[in-house]
């Protein structure tokens, strides 16, 4: 039967009890992790967010009433215990922070009883994630998840302190805003007061933080909730948290400097990892050429090599044909895997096809130096030898080749090197390799829309020396844009913004917006620009992804208190769900579910 606290006050969390408290009377409260009755003595492991503390119940010391209540304790009962701290009479438990201590109970209050939980509340649970997410309240009691969320809180506190010291102001921007569809889908919110009109939840505070610069606030930041209606994966959620910032009267170097020092402070003070400064930099072009990715993982090698010149006139039509059509042939060297079984190579081919490849060619260098290849019969011996030399192949190595348009080749080999590094255990999980990727293209070609789109957004400033390319060769124009990458994961990115009317107008025109369309979508920003806008730049990085990497979690679901699953639903609350017809009537909405045939 649950009892009231009867005026009790907690004096310590479980692991706040230390050797300095030996002999003192303390009151601790929490959940029963487990209870063991050894006949006359009951051992209870008491758990709170700080950790576990052992409680000893002996009838002659706690009294008959408390002892009888202790006999009925089960996992997840919530209790309050008052008792005296002592050294453990038994062996020390080195796995616990309080492993050398125990509390000899004098009284017990059962604050809440609990049904048998659907799974054990324990670290590194083997229970299926779907079950744990349905009972997320229980799941969040697990020590590993609690550590993750405590670290998250600590990181946010460090960030706030640092940015305040640097002269930033924390300012909140609207959640209900105008839809400006460009990029991911918006989440829309119908307006009751304006029937037929909708708000959009923010994909980022981009426009509003630029407006704050126009308003003279100089340095802004926000721990911002953002929303994108897009397909999910391990490091993506429909709602996520950004550390968002914008600075006035700055250029690229200023933004990179303040964020490098921020990251160094955060990693040092939260997990004791030193981030060597300055952080390494690499242009987007170099990153793609060497790693096939604009977010390369630098913890291992297997860099891409462009062998197009060596095979452009060879007899292997897959290679020569790709080059003739404007593509390329590139390859990676997988050290020590020349003896990989054909079945595993076929699995790699299937993996590559998932990234758009038509296939994957290979040369396996045998231990005696002979070559086994999927395309040897189409090549001259000296051509094969030249490929081996170009890739610095040694006996026992496996050389993998992709031939297609550059975009596909980069995608295939970029993903393949990461997959192989994971399979072969080449990644040091304790290492943190940061990288700035700079000088992104201003535009990227969309095959689907058959036009150039903004690689970042329409407000990104081209590099000064590339402004003339906007008129002559827009696809080659580079942006004052930068991403911060950690261990192959994009933590965030930003850019210097356009603050000149003529450049902004040209940018909209190149993206296919008429002046009227630009003002319809972004008029409140463009109007603000008429009254004096400072040069400004900014950056936002994903807090969820950062904490995922800091904790070594496999998914950002493990560092978010109440996450969604792959279909953007919440298994615990059953959101999204149908609503009362009266609510729809008030919003002037009708629901039409499409038939299967219409989909």
Foldseek 3Di string as FASTA:
>chain_A
DADDPVPDDFDDEALVDDPVQAFHKGKYKAWFQAWDPPDQKIWTWGDDLVGTAIEIEGCVQQHDVQVVVSVPHGGGFIKMFIFGKHFDPDDFDPVGSQRGIHGYTNYMGGRGHDDDDPARQEPPDPDDPLVCLQVLVSVCSRNLLSLLQVLLVVLVVLLVVLVVVVLADEDDDDQWADDQDDPFDWDWAFDLVDFPDITTGAQDCVLVQLLVLLVPSFKYWYQDWHAGDDFDDQADFRIFTKTWMKGFPDALVVFLVSVQVSVQRSCCVRPNDGDDPPAAEDAQVRCCQFQLDLFAFPQDHFTKDWCLVLPCPFQPCLNVVLVVVVATKIKTKAAQALVPDPVVQVVLQVVLVVLPAPGKWKWRQAQVRDIDTPCVVRGDPVSVVVVCVRNVHDHRMMMIMTGHHSNSRSRRRNVSVVVVCVVVVSGDLVDKHKYKHFFAQQWDADPVVRATGGPPHLFWAWDPVCLVCLVPPSRPTTTQKIFMHISSRTFKIKHWTDLDPVSSQSSCVRNPHDPVRCCVNSVVSVVSSVPDGGGMMIMMGTSLVVSCSSSVPSGSVSNDSFGADRNNARSNVRPPDDDDVVVCVSSVHDDDDDDPVVD
